[in-house]
């Protein structure tokens, strides 16, 4: 009995249909892969933007906490000992005090000019307070008045079950080191502090012309200052001691940052331009959410970019 096989035409048609199916399947797989890569890239850029804002936010919200500050007055600098050669750097800051915007033009750390009541720039410096979880204990509950140059020693007690950061970190810091300064919310002025055992000696700045009241059970806060900027596709920070120092790479993938501070509204806005990685083909356009005043470089076009925005009302300012 003769068997009948496929004709040449049938084989060609079958092969052609198989090739079409394979090509379609490969196309779908490639599109799915590219879509997955785009989603992963966007997710990474979004996470980096959120992480950058999470680093800045607590410092911004605690800027000027426990410190008297006025846009037009000089109390801020005087309280740190403006006329004392051994005073910490904030004693020589401008009247913008606890919040400084750095323009980035012509160099990164140039103070931003006042543009119609708004300060814009690529970097930010913040003077802020950190809770110590320790409160002042005064045996007779009588507030202590401190005048310029005066000191007093008070006992510290835990303010909660959490002991917080030990005040021993203040030991050995000189008066011109910001890390040796503290503030008390009800006092509203910074004071130099020297810790010993379970007590602390606090001193008002010399020749400041200021006086303050230290109240029982007011919580001590450490004063710190940090500044942030983007460089070499990363977010960096510096800590203020006797000068700006201790530069640290805080976050990779940050291409640029932009800040706007409006004192009349106590409004601080931040835009973080992040990358999810380099793109293999084509170029990225300038994102619609990136401020027109903010820098945009050709090198950014070779990245998968995303803009993350944050805004805060700084009631302590």
C-alpha atoms as a PDB file:
ATOM      1  CA  UNK A   1       0.000   0.000   0.000  1.00  0.00           C
ATOM      2  CA  UNK A   2       1.391   3.487  -1.003  1.00  0.00           C
ATOM      3  CA  UNK A   3       1.711   6.168   1.673  1.00  0.00           C
ATOM      4  CA  UNK A   4       0.996   9.690   0.718  1.00  0.00           C
ATOM      5  CA  UNK A   5       3.387  12.338   2.299  1.00  0.00           C
ATOM      6  CA  UNK A   6       3.357  16.117   2.305  1.00  0.00           C
ATOM      7  CA  UNK A   7       3.932  17.917  -0.904  1.00  0.00           C
ATOM      8  CA  UNK A   8       6.747  20.481  -1.233  1.00  0.00           C
ATOM      9  CA  UNK A   9       4.204  23.304  -1.264  1.00  0.00           C
ATOM     10  CA  UNK A  10       2.640  22.097   1.974  1.00  0.00           C
ATOM     11  CA  UNK A  11       6.045  21.874   3.642  1.00  0.00           C
ATOM     12  CA  UNK A  12       6.931  25.408   2.546  1.00  0.00           C
ATOM     13  CA  UNK A  13       3.632  26.792   3.838  1.00  0.00           C
ATOM     14  CA  UNK A  14       4.036  24.957   7.155  1.00  0.00           C
ATOM     15  CA  UNK A  15       7.593  26.264   7.565  1.00  0.00           C
ATOM     16  CA  UNK A  16       6.496  29.810   6.751  1.00  0.00           C
ATOM     17  CA  UNK A  17       3.667  29.691   9.293  1.00  0.00           C
ATOM     18  CA  UNK A  18       6.042  28.288  11.917  1.00  0.00           C
ATOM     19  CA  UNK A  19       8.532  31.078  11.256  1.00  0.00           C
ATOM     20  CA  UNK A  20       5.781  33.698  11.594  1.00  0.00           C
ATOM     21  CA  UNK A  21       4.680  32.197  14.920  1.00  0.00           C
ATOM     22  CA  UNK A  22       8.293  32.174  16.175  1.00  0.00           C
ATOM     23  CA  UNK A  23       8.867  35.792  15.094  1.00  0.00           C
ATOM     24  CA  UNK A  24       5.639  36.960  16.734  1.00  0.00           C
ATOM     25  CA  UNK A  25       6.516  35.097  19.924  1.00  0.00           C
ATOM     26  CA  UNK A  26      10.024  36.598  19.958  1.00  0.00           C
ATOM     27  CA  UNK A  27       8.607  40.082  19.348  1.00  0.00           C
ATOM     28  CA  UNK A  28       6.178  39.735  22.233  1.00  0.00           C
ATOM     29  CA  UNK A  29       8.957  38.399  24.470  1.00  0.00           C
ATOM     30  CA  UNK A  30      11.265  41.296  23.532  1.00  0.00           C
ATOM     31  CA  UNK A  31       8.531  43.856  24.129  1.00  0.00           C
ATOM     32  CA  UNK A  32       7.737  42.259  27.477  1.00  0.00           C
ATOM     33  CA  UNK A  33      11.415  42.331  28.424  1.00  0.00           C
ATOM     34  CA  UNK A  34      11.783  45.969  27.387  1.00  0.00           C
ATOM     35  CA  UNK A  35       8.615  46.886  29.292  1.00  0.00           C
ATOM     36  CA  UNK A  36       9.871  45.064  32.380  1.00  0.00           C
ATOM     37  CA  UNK A  37      13.207  46.887  32.107  1.00  0.00           C
ATOM     38  CA  UNK A  38      11.448  50.253  31.789  1.00  0.00           C
ATOM     39  CA  UNK A  39       9.275  49.509  34.821  1.00  0.00           C
ATOM     40  CA  UNK A  40      12.311  48.382  36.831  1.00  0.00           C
ATOM     41  CA  UNK A  41      14.208  51.503  35.767  1.00  0.00           C
ATOM     42  CA  UNK A  42      11.346  53.818  36.721  1.00  0.00           C
ATOM     43  CA  UNK A  43      10.897  52.035  40.035  1.00  0.00           C
ATOM     44  CA  UNK A  44      14.598  52.376  40.856  1.00  0.00           C
ATOM     45  CA  UNK A  45      14.576  56.089  39.946  1.00  0.00           C
ATOM     46  CA  UNK A  46      11.422  56.615  42.048  1.00  0.00           C
ATOM     47  CA  UNK A  47      12.955  54.827  45.047  1.00  0.00           C
ATOM     48  CA  UNK A  48      16.089  56.952  44.786  1.00  0.00           C
ATOM     49  CA  UNK A  49      14.032  60.139  44.688  1.00  0.00           C
ATOM     50  CA  UNK A  50      12.000  59.088  47.715  1.00  0.00           C
ATOM     51  CA  UNK A  51      15.138  58.120  49.616  1.00  0.00           C
ATOM     52  CA  UNK A  52      16.715  61.513  48.889  1.00  0.00           C
ATOM     53  CA  UNK A  53      13.640  63.341  50.200  1.00  0.00           C
ATOM     54  CA  UNK A  54      13.536  61.102  53.286  1.00  0.00           C
ATOM     55  CA  UNK A  55      17.101  62.177  54.143  1.00  0.00           C
ATOM     56  CA  UNK A  56      16.328  65.884  53.794  1.00  0.00           C
ATOM     57  CA  UNK A  57      12.804  65.964  55.292  1.00  0.00           C
ATOM     58  CA  UNK A  58      13.481  65.395  59.032  1.00  0.00           C
ATOM     59  CA  UNK A  59      16.310  67.930  58.988  1.00  0.00           C
ATOM     60  CA  UNK A  60      14.158  70.492  57.184  1.00  0.00           C
ATOM     61  CA  UNK A  61      11.218  70.037  59.564  1.00  0.00           C
ATOM     62  CA  UNK A  62      13.529  70.503  62.569  1.00  0.00           C
ATOM     63  CA  UNK A  63      15.402  73.473  61.085  1.00  0.00           C
ATOM     64  CA  UNK A  64      15.595  76.339  63.588  1.00  0.00           C
ATOM     65  CA  UNK A  65      13.796  74.251  66.233  1.00  0.00           C
ATOM     66  CA  UNK A  66      14.403  75.830  69.627  1.00  0.00           C
ATOM     67  CA  UNK A  67      16.171  78.839  68.108  1.00  0.00           C
ATOM     68  CA  UNK A  68      14.929  82.411  67.859  1.00  0.00           C
ATOM     69  CA  UNK A  69      15.304  83.557  64.274  1.00  0.00           C
ATOM     70  CA  UNK A  70      14.114  86.578  62.328  1.00  0.00           C
ATOM     71  CA  UNK A  71      14.665  87.379  58.662  1.00  0.00           C
ATOM     72  CA  UNK A  72      15.563  90.948  59.582  1.00  0.00           C
ATOM     73  CA  UNK A  73      17.053  90.658  63.080  1.00  0.00           C
ATOM     74  CA  UNK A  74      20.501  89.676  64.306  1.00  0.00           C
ATOM     75  CA  UNK A  75      19.551  87.541  67.328  1.00  0.00           C
ATOM     76  CA  UNK A  76      20.547  84.331  65.550  1.00  0.00           C
ATOM     77  CA  UNK A  77      24.196  85.285  65.065  1.00  0.00           C
ATOM     78  CA  UNK A  78      24.466  87.050  68.414  1.00  0.00           C
ATOM     79  CA  UNK A  79      23.178  83.971  70.249  1.00  0.00           C
ATOM     80  CA  UNK A  80      26.150  81.997  68.883  1.00  0.00           C
ATOM     81  CA  UNK A  81      28.597  84.746  69.894  1.00  0.00           C
ATOM     82  CA  UNK A  82      28.912  86.834  66.744  1.00  0.00           C
ATOM     83  CA  UNK A  83      31.740  88.951  68.189  1.00  0.00           C
ATOM     84  CA  UNK A  84      33.617  86.030  69.766  1.00  0.00           C
ATOM     85  CA  UNK A  85      36.576  84.660  67.773  1.00  0.00           C
ATOM     86  CA  UNK A  86      35.918  81.237  69.341  1.00  0.00           C
ATOM     87  CA  UNK A  87      32.290  81.091  68.212  1.00  0.00           C
ATOM     88  CA  UNK A  88      30.940  78.328  65.904  1.00  0.00           C
ATOM     89  CA  UNK A  89      30.368  79.013  62.166  1.00  0.00           C
ATOM     90  CA  UNK A  90      26.628  79.955  62.451  1.00  0.00           C
ATOM     91  CA  UNK A  91      27.726  83.109  64.279  1.00  0.00           C
ATOM     92  CA  UNK A  92      28.996  84.346  60.913  1.00  0.00           C
ATOM     93  CA  UNK A  93      26.121  83.189  58.720  1.00  0.00           C
ATOM     94  CA  UNK A  94      23.905  85.632  56.867  1.00  0.00           C
ATOM     95  CA  UNK A  95      20.475  86.646  58.173  1.00  0.00           C
ATOM     96  CA  UNK A  96      18.959  83.669  56.381  1.00  0.00           C
ATOM     97  CA  UNK A  97      20.303  81.747  59.337  1.00  0.00           C
ATOM     98  CA  UNK A  98      19.240  78.122  59.856  1.00  0.00           C
ATOM     99  CA  UNK A  99      18.383  77.566  56.179  1.00  0.00           C
ATOM    100  CA  UNK A 100      20.795  78.447  53.388  1.00  0.00           C
ATOM    101  CA  UNK A 101      20.244  77.855  49.671  1.00  0.00           C
ATOM    102  CA  UNK A 102      23.375  77.465  47.578  1.00  0.00           C
ATOM    103  CA  UNK A 103      22.929  78.764  44.030  1.00  0.00           C
ATOM    104  CA  UNK A 104      25.524  76.575  42.337  1.00  0.00           C
ATOM    105  CA  UNK A 105      26.541  79.470  40.093  1.00  0.00           C
ATOM    106  CA  UNK A 106      29.342  80.145  39.364  1.00  0.00           C
ATOM    107  CA  UNK A 107      30.404  77.606  42.013  1.00  0.00           C
ATOM    108  CA  UNK A 108      28.247  75.202  44.006  1.00  0.00           C
ATOM    109  CA  UNK A 109      28.536  76.889  47.405  1.00  0.00           C
ATOM    110  CA  UNK A 110      27.684  80.446  46.393  1.00  0.00           C
ATOM    111  CA  UNK A 111      24.763  81.798  48.434  1.00  0.00           C
ATOM    112  CA  UNK A 112      21.630  82.131  46.296  1.00  0.00           C
ATOM    113  CA  UNK A 113      20.394  85.696  45.688  1.00  0.00           C
ATOM    114  CA  UNK A 114      16.935  86.922  46.622  1.00  0.00           C
ATOM    115  CA  UNK A 115      14.838  86.664  43.449  1.00  0.00           C
ATOM    116  CA  UNK A 116      11.582  88.398  44.261  1.00  0.00           C
ATOM    117  CA  UNK A 117      11.341  86.806  47.690  1.00  0.00           C
ATOM    118  CA  UNK A 118      12.475  83.360  46.553  1.00  0.00           C
ATOM    119  CA  UNK A 119      15.911  81.766  46.963  1.00  0.00           C
ATOM    120  CA  UNK A 120      16.773  79.129  44.348  1.00  0.00           C
ATOM    121  CA  UNK A 121      19.717  76.817  43.955  1.00  0.00           C
ATOM    122  CA  UNK A 122      21.346  73.411  43.628  1.00  0.00           C
ATOM    123  CA  UNK A 123      22.264  72.866  47.270  1.00  0.00           C
ATOM    124  CA  UNK A 124      20.877  73.403  50.754  1.00  0.00           C
ATOM    125  CA  UNK A 125      22.305  73.812  54.256  1.00  0.00           C
ATOM    126  CA  UNK A 126      20.152  73.208  57.337  1.00  0.00           C
ATOM    127  CA  UNK A 127      20.769  73.881  61.030  1.00  0.00           C
ATOM    128  CA  UNK A 128      18.481  71.555  62.974  1.00  0.00           C
ATOM    129  CA  UNK A 129      17.886  70.017  66.404  1.00  0.00           C
ATOM    130  CA  UNK A 130      18.047  66.366  67.510  1.00  0.00           C
ATOM    131  CA  UNK A 131      16.170  65.265  70.663  1.00  0.00           C
ATOM    132  CA  UNK A 132      18.413  63.905  73.423  1.00  0.00           C
ATOM    133  CA  UNK A 133      15.568  62.197  75.350  1.00  0.00           C
ATOM    134  CA  UNK A 134      16.826  63.986  78.491  1.00  0.00           C
ATOM    135  CA  UNK A 135      15.143  66.756  80.429  1.00  0.00           C
ATOM    136  CA  UNK A 136      16.324  69.405  82.860  1.00  0.00           C
ATOM    137  CA  UNK A 137      15.755  68.631  86.533  1.00  0.00           C
ATOM    138  CA  UNK A 138      15.693  71.580  88.937  1.00  0.00           C
ATOM    139  CA  UNK A 139      15.075  70.551  92.561  1.00  0.00           C
ATOM    140  CA  UNK A 140      12.886  73.499  93.535  1.00  0.00           C
ATOM    141  CA  UNK A 141      11.298  73.847  90.075  1.00  0.00           C
ATOM    142  CA  UNK A 142      12.452  77.456  89.871  1.00  0.00           C
ATOM    143  CA  UNK A 143      13.408  78.596  86.337  1.00  0.00           C
ATOM    144  CA  UNK A 144      17.020  79.719  85.948  1.00  0.00           C
ATOM    145  CA  UNK A 145      17.763  83.043  84.238  1.00  0.00           C
ATOM    146  CA  UNK A 146      20.947  83.183  82.167  1.00  0.00           C
ATOM    147  CA  UNK A 147      22.428  86.456  80.982  1.00  0.00           C
ATOM    148  CA  UNK A 148      25.220  86.901  78.448  1.00  0.00           C
ATOM    149  CA  UNK A 149      28.370  85.014  79.434  1.00  0.00           C
ATOM    150  CA  UNK A 150      26.708  83.250  82.374  1.00  0.00           C
ATOM    151  CA  UNK A 151      26.738  79.485  83.029  1.00  0.00           C
ATOM    152  CA  UNK A 152      24.767  77.049  85.137  1.00  0.00           C
ATOM    153  CA  UNK A 153      24.985  73.343  85.885  1.00  0.00           C
ATOM    154  CA  UNK A 154      21.775  71.328  85.883  1.00  0.00           C
ATOM    155  CA  UNK A 155      20.939  67.679  86.336  1.00  0.00           C
ATOM    156  CA  UNK A 156      19.518  65.707  83.406  1.00  0.00           C
ATOM    157  CA  UNK A 157      16.927  62.972  83.717  1.00  0.00           C
ATOM    158  CA  UNK A 158      15.499  60.641  81.037  1.00  0.00           C
ATOM    159  CA  UNK A 159      12.458  62.140  79.373  1.00  0.00           C
ATOM    160  CA  UNK A 160      11.067  58.689  78.558  1.00  0.00           C
ATOM    161  CA  UNK A 161      11.928  55.015  78.762  1.00  0.00           C
ATOM    162  CA  UNK A 162      14.145  55.596  75.730  1.00  0.00           C
ATOM    163  CA  UNK A 163      17.502  56.967  76.819  1.00  0.00           C
ATOM    164  CA  UNK A 164      18.190  58.484  73.420  1.00  0.00           C
ATOM    165  CA  UNK A 165      21.633  59.646  72.300  1.00  0.00           C
ATOM    166  CA  UNK A 166      24.065  59.936  75.170  1.00  0.00           C
ATOM    167  CA  UNK A 167      25.164  63.490  76.023  1.00  0.00           C
ATOM    168  CA  UNK A 168      28.708  62.172  76.448  1.00  0.00           C
ATOM    169  CA  UNK A 169      29.129  62.889  72.740  1.00  0.00           C
ATOM    170  CA  UNK A 170      29.427  66.557  73.790  1.00  0.00           C
ATOM    171  CA  UNK A 171      32.547  65.896  75.858  1.00  0.00           C
ATOM    172  CA  UNK A 172      35.756  67.401  74.517  1.00  0.00           C
ATOM    173  CA  UNK A 173      34.132  69.585  71.877  1.00  0.00           C
ATOM    174  CA  UNK A 174      35.355  73.169  71.912  1.00  0.00           C
ATOM    175  CA  UNK A 175      33.109  76.207  71.843  1.00  0.00           C
ATOM    176  CA  UNK A 176      33.790  76.781  68.139  1.00  0.00           C
ATOM    177  CA  UNK A 177      32.513  73.272  67.323  1.00  0.00           C
ATOM    178  CA  UNK A 178      28.780  73.314  66.595  1.00  0.00           C
ATOM    179  CA  UNK A 179      28.420  69.789  68.006  1.00  0.00           C
ATOM    180  CA  UNK A 180      29.004  71.174  71.505  1.00  0.00           C
ATOM    181  CA  UNK A 181      25.936  73.432  71.302  1.00  0.00           C
ATOM    182  CA  UNK A 182      22.414  72.557  72.414  1.00  0.00           C
ATOM    183  CA  UNK A 183      19.028  74.191  72.641  1.00  0.00           C
ATOM    184  CA  UNK A 184      15.892  73.885  74.782  1.00  0.00           C
ATOM    185  CA  UNK A 185      12.517  74.503  73.080  1.00  0.00           C
ATOM    186  CA  UNK A 186      11.199  76.803  75.817  1.00  0.00           C
ATOM    187  CA  UNK A 187      14.493  78.673  76.030  1.00  0.00           C
ATOM    188  CA  UNK A 188      14.561  79.470  72.303  1.00  0.00           C
ATOM    189  CA  UNK A 189      18.293  80.236  72.258  1.00  0.00           C
ATOM    190  CA  UNK A 190      21.349  78.048  71.611  1.00  0.00           C
ATOM    191  CA  UNK A 191      23.826  77.518  74.477  1.00  0.00           C
ATOM    192  CA  UNK A 192      27.226  75.898  74.730  1.00  0.00           C
ATOM    193  CA  UNK A 193      27.155  72.644  76.720  1.00  0.00           C
ATOM    194  CA  UNK A 194      29.704  70.553  78.596  1.00  0.00           C
ATOM    195  CA  UNK A 195      28.462  67.200  79.882  1.00  0.00           C
ATOM    196  CA  UNK A 196      29.728  65.408  82.954  1.00  0.00           C
ATOM    197  CA  UNK A 197      28.231  62.370  84.708  1.00  0.00           C
ATOM    198  CA  UNK A 198      24.453  63.006  84.811  1.00  0.00           C
ATOM    199  CA  UNK A 199      24.521  66.788  84.531  1.00  0.00           C
ATOM    200  CA  UNK A 200      25.333  69.428  81.944  1.00  0.00           C
ATOM    201  CA  UNK A 201      26.837  72.904  82.228  1.00  0.00           C
ATOM    202  CA  UNK A 202      25.264  75.314  79.754  1.00  0.00           C
ATOM    203  CA  UNK A 203      26.662  78.749  78.924  1.00  0.00           C
ATOM    204  CA  UNK A 204      25.254  81.787  77.156  1.00  0.00           C
ATOM    205  CA  UNK A 205      27.480  83.384  74.515  1.00  0.00           C
ATOM    206  CA  UNK A 206      29.736  86.233  75.616  1.00  0.00           C
ATOM    207  CA  UNK A 207      28.807  89.815  74.711  1.00  0.00           C
ATOM    208  CA  UNK A 208      25.610  88.714  72.990  1.00  0.00           C
ATOM    209  CA  UNK A 209      23.382  91.196  74.796  1.00  0.00           C
ATOM    210  CA  UNK A 210      20.875  88.380  75.260  1.00  0.00           C
ATOM    211  CA  UNK A 211      19.299  86.598  78.207  1.00  0.00           C
ATOM    212  CA  UNK A 212      17.232  83.447  78.418  1.00  0.00           C
ATOM    213  CA  UNK A 213      15.294  81.317  80.892  1.00  0.00           C
ATOM    214  CA  UNK A 214      15.989  77.630  81.486  1.00  0.00           C
ATOM    215  CA  UNK A 215      12.777  75.916  82.584  1.00  0.00           C
ATOM    216  CA  UNK A 216      12.406  72.703  84.597  1.00  0.00           C
ATOM    217  CA  UNK A 217      11.730  69.561  82.531  1.00  0.00           C
ATOM    218  CA  UNK A 218      12.530  71.261  79.227  1.00  0.00           C
ATOM    219  CA  UNK A 219      14.118  68.700  76.899  1.00  0.00           C
ATOM    220  CA  UNK A 220      17.667  69.184  75.674  1.00  0.00           C
ATOM    221  CA  UNK A 221      18.255  69.023  71.905  1.00  0.00           C
ATOM    222  CA  UNK A 222      21.602  68.715  70.142  1.00  0.00           C
ATOM    223  CA  UNK A 223      22.301  71.228  67.387  1.00  0.00           C
ATOM    224  CA  UNK A 224      23.614  69.899  64.103  1.00  0.00           C
ATOM    225  CA  UNK A 225      24.018  71.265  60.588  1.00  0.00           C
ATOM    226  CA  UNK A 226      24.222  69.436  57.264  1.00  0.00           C
ATOM    227  CA  UNK A 227      24.374  70.540  53.667  1.00  0.00           C
ATOM    228  CA  UNK A 228      23.345  68.505  50.632  1.00  0.00           C
ATOM    229  CA  UNK A 229      24.249  68.647  46.953  1.00  0.00           C
ATOM    230  CA  UNK A 230      24.447  66.408  43.874  1.00  0.00           C
ATOM    231  CA  UNK A 231      27.726  65.608  42.175  1.00  0.00           C
ATOM    232  CA  UNK A 232      29.024  62.797  39.945  1.00  0.00           C
ATOM    233  CA  UNK A 233      25.576  61.149  39.777  1.00  0.00           C
ATOM    234  CA  UNK A 234      25.246  60.906  43.562  1.00  0.00           C
ATOM    235  CA  UNK A 235      23.832  62.842  46.516  1.00  0.00           C
ATOM    236  CA  UNK A 236      26.467  64.023  48.979  1.00  0.00           C
ATOM    237  CA  UNK A 237      26.290  65.567  52.433  1.00  0.00           C
ATOM    238  CA  UNK A 238      28.696  67.453  54.655  1.00  0.00           C
ATOM    239  CA  UNK A 239      28.563  67.989  58.407  1.00  0.00           C
ATOM    240  CA  UNK A 240      29.294  71.289  60.122  1.00  0.00           C
ATOM    241  CA  UNK A 241      31.765  71.128  62.989  1.00  0.00           C
ATOM    242  CA  UNK A 242      34.307  73.959  63.231  1.00  0.00           C
ATOM    243  CA  UNK A 243      33.889  74.119  59.444  1.00  0.00           C
ATOM    244  CA  UNK A 244      32.135  72.095  56.768  1.00  0.00           C
ATOM    245  CA  UNK A 245      33.734  68.666  56.775  1.00  0.00           C
ATOM    246  CA  UNK A 246      33.102  64.907  56.717  1.00  0.00           C
ATOM    247  CA  UNK A 247      31.809  64.666  53.146  1.00  0.00           C
ATOM    248  CA  UNK A 248      29.743  61.519  52.615  1.00  0.00           C
ATOM    249  CA  UNK A 249      28.166  59.810  49.613  1.00  0.00           C
ATOM    250  CA  UNK A 250      24.581  59.402  50.801  1.00  0.00           C
ATOM    251  CA  UNK A 251      22.834  58.055  47.715  1.00  0.00           C
ATOM    252  CA  UNK A 252      23.814  56.874  44.234  1.00  0.00           C
ATOM    253  CA  UNK A 253      21.769  57.696  41.154  1.00  0.00           C
ATOM    254  CA  UNK A 254      20.982  61.355  41.966  1.00  0.00           C
ATOM    255  CA  UNK A 255      21.800  63.440  38.874  1.00  0.00           C
ATOM    256  CA  UNK A 256      20.804  66.843  40.224  1.00  0.00           C
ATOM    257  CA  UNK A 257      18.811  68.584  42.940  1.00  0.00           C
ATOM    258  CA  UNK A 258      16.963  71.896  42.978  1.00  0.00           C
ATOM    259  CA  UNK A 259      15.631  73.836  45.962  1.00  0.00           C
ATOM    260  CA  UNK A 260      13.388  76.875  46.342  1.00  0.00           C
ATOM    261  CA  UNK A 261      12.872  78.642  49.669  1.00  0.00           C
ATOM    262  CA  UNK A 262      10.108  81.246  50.071  1.00  0.00           C
ATOM    263  CA  UNK A 263      10.517  82.833  53.536  1.00  0.00           C
ATOM    264  CA  UNK A 264       7.265  84.817  53.389  1.00  0.00           C
ATOM    265  CA  UNK A 265       5.346  81.528  53.110  1.00  0.00           C
ATOM    266  CA  UNK A 266       7.759  79.412  55.200  1.00  0.00           C
ATOM    267  CA  UNK A 267       7.701  77.100  52.189  1.00  0.00           C
ATOM    268  CA  UNK A 268      10.613  74.897  51.142  1.00  0.00           C
ATOM    269  CA  UNK A 269      10.356  72.968  47.876  1.00  0.00           C
ATOM    270  CA  UNK A 270      12.746  70.363  46.524  1.00  0.00           C
ATOM    271  CA  UNK A 271      13.047  68.592  43.184  1.00  0.00           C
ATOM    272  CA  UNK A 272      15.248  65.507  42.904  1.00  0.00           C
ATOM    273  CA  UNK A 273      16.336  64.343  39.430  1.00  0.00           C
ATOM    274  CA  UNK A 274      17.236  60.655  39.595  1.00  0.00           C
ATOM    275  CA  UNK A 275      18.279  57.965  37.150  1.00  0.00           C
ATOM    276  CA  UNK A 276      17.107  54.389  36.886  1.00  0.00           C
ATOM    277  CA  UNK A 277      20.115  53.568  34.709  1.00  0.00           C
ATOM    278  CA  UNK A 278      21.516  54.404  31.312  1.00  0.00           C
ATOM    279  CA  UNK A 279      19.353  53.847  28.247  1.00  0.00           C
ATOM    280  CA  UNK A 280      20.640  51.695  25.381  1.00  0.00           C
ATOM    281  CA  UNK A 281      18.993  53.614  22.564  1.00  0.00           C
ATOM    282  CA  UNK A 282      17.457  57.033  21.986  1.00  0.00           C
ATOM    283  CA  UNK A 283      17.617  59.961  24.396  1.00  0.00           C
ATOM    284  CA  UNK A 284      15.523  61.163  27.303  1.00  0.00           C
ATOM    285  CA  UNK A 285      13.771  64.500  26.977  1.00  0.00           C
ATOM    286  CA  UNK A 286      13.831  67.072  29.754  1.00  0.00           C
ATOM    287  CA  UNK A 287      11.027  66.023  32.166  1.00  0.00           C
ATOM    288  CA  UNK A 288       8.061  68.373  32.343  1.00  0.00           C
ATOM    289  CA  UNK A 289       8.298  68.439  36.139  1.00  0.00           C
ATOM    290  CA  UNK A 290      11.898  69.673  36.194  1.00  0.00           C
ATOM    291  CA  UNK A 291      11.962  73.461  36.955  1.00  0.00           C
ATOM    292  CA  UNK A 292      12.986  75.686  34.062  1.00  0.00           C
ATOM    293  CA  UNK A 293      15.564  77.439  36.257  1.00  0.00           C
ATOM    294  CA  UNK A 294      17.209  74.142  37.216  1.00  0.00           C
ATOM    295  CA  UNK A 295      20.246  72.949  35.227  1.00  0.00           C
ATOM    296  CA  UNK A 296      19.805  70.340  32.523  1.00  0.00           C
ATOM    297  CA  UNK A 297      22.928  68.807  30.979  1.00  0.00           C
ATOM    298  CA  UNK A 298      23.315  66.811  27.790  1.00  0.00           C
ATOM    299  CA  UNK A 299      24.647  63.874  29.808  1.00  0.00           C
ATOM    300  CA  UNK A 300      21.247  63.533  31.501  1.00  0.00           C
ATOM    301  CA  UNK A 301      19.691  62.578  28.153  1.00  0.00           C
ATOM    302  CA  UNK A 302      21.453  59.203  28.247  1.00  0.00           C
ATOM    303  CA  UNK A 303      19.661  58.209  31.452  1.00  0.00           C
ATOM    304  CA  UNK A 304      16.189  57.010  32.288  1.00  0.00           C
ATOM    305  CA  UNK A 305      15.246  60.033  34.391  1.00  0.00           C
ATOM    306  CA  UNK A 306      12.497  60.811  36.887  1.00  0.00           C
ATOM    307  CA  UNK A 307      11.675  63.911  38.929  1.00  0.00           C
ATOM    308  CA  UNK A 308      10.511  63.540  42.555  1.00  0.00           C
ATOM    309  CA  UNK A 309       9.159  66.637  44.286  1.00  0.00           C
ATOM    310  CA  UNK A 310       8.770  67.430  47.974  1.00  0.00           C
ATOM    311  CA  UNK A 311       7.358  70.492  49.738  1.00  0.00           C
ATOM    312  CA  UNK A 312       7.345  71.381  53.429  1.00  0.00           C
ATOM    313  CA  UNK A 313       5.906  74.147  55.556  1.00  0.00           C
ATOM    314  CA  UNK A 314       8.672  75.028  58.026  1.00  0.00           C
ATOM    315  CA  UNK A 315       6.801  76.445  60.990  1.00  0.00           C
ATOM    316  CA  UNK A 316       9.977  76.888  63.071  1.00  0.00           C
ATOM    317  CA  UNK A 317      11.331  79.384  60.561  1.00  0.00           C
END
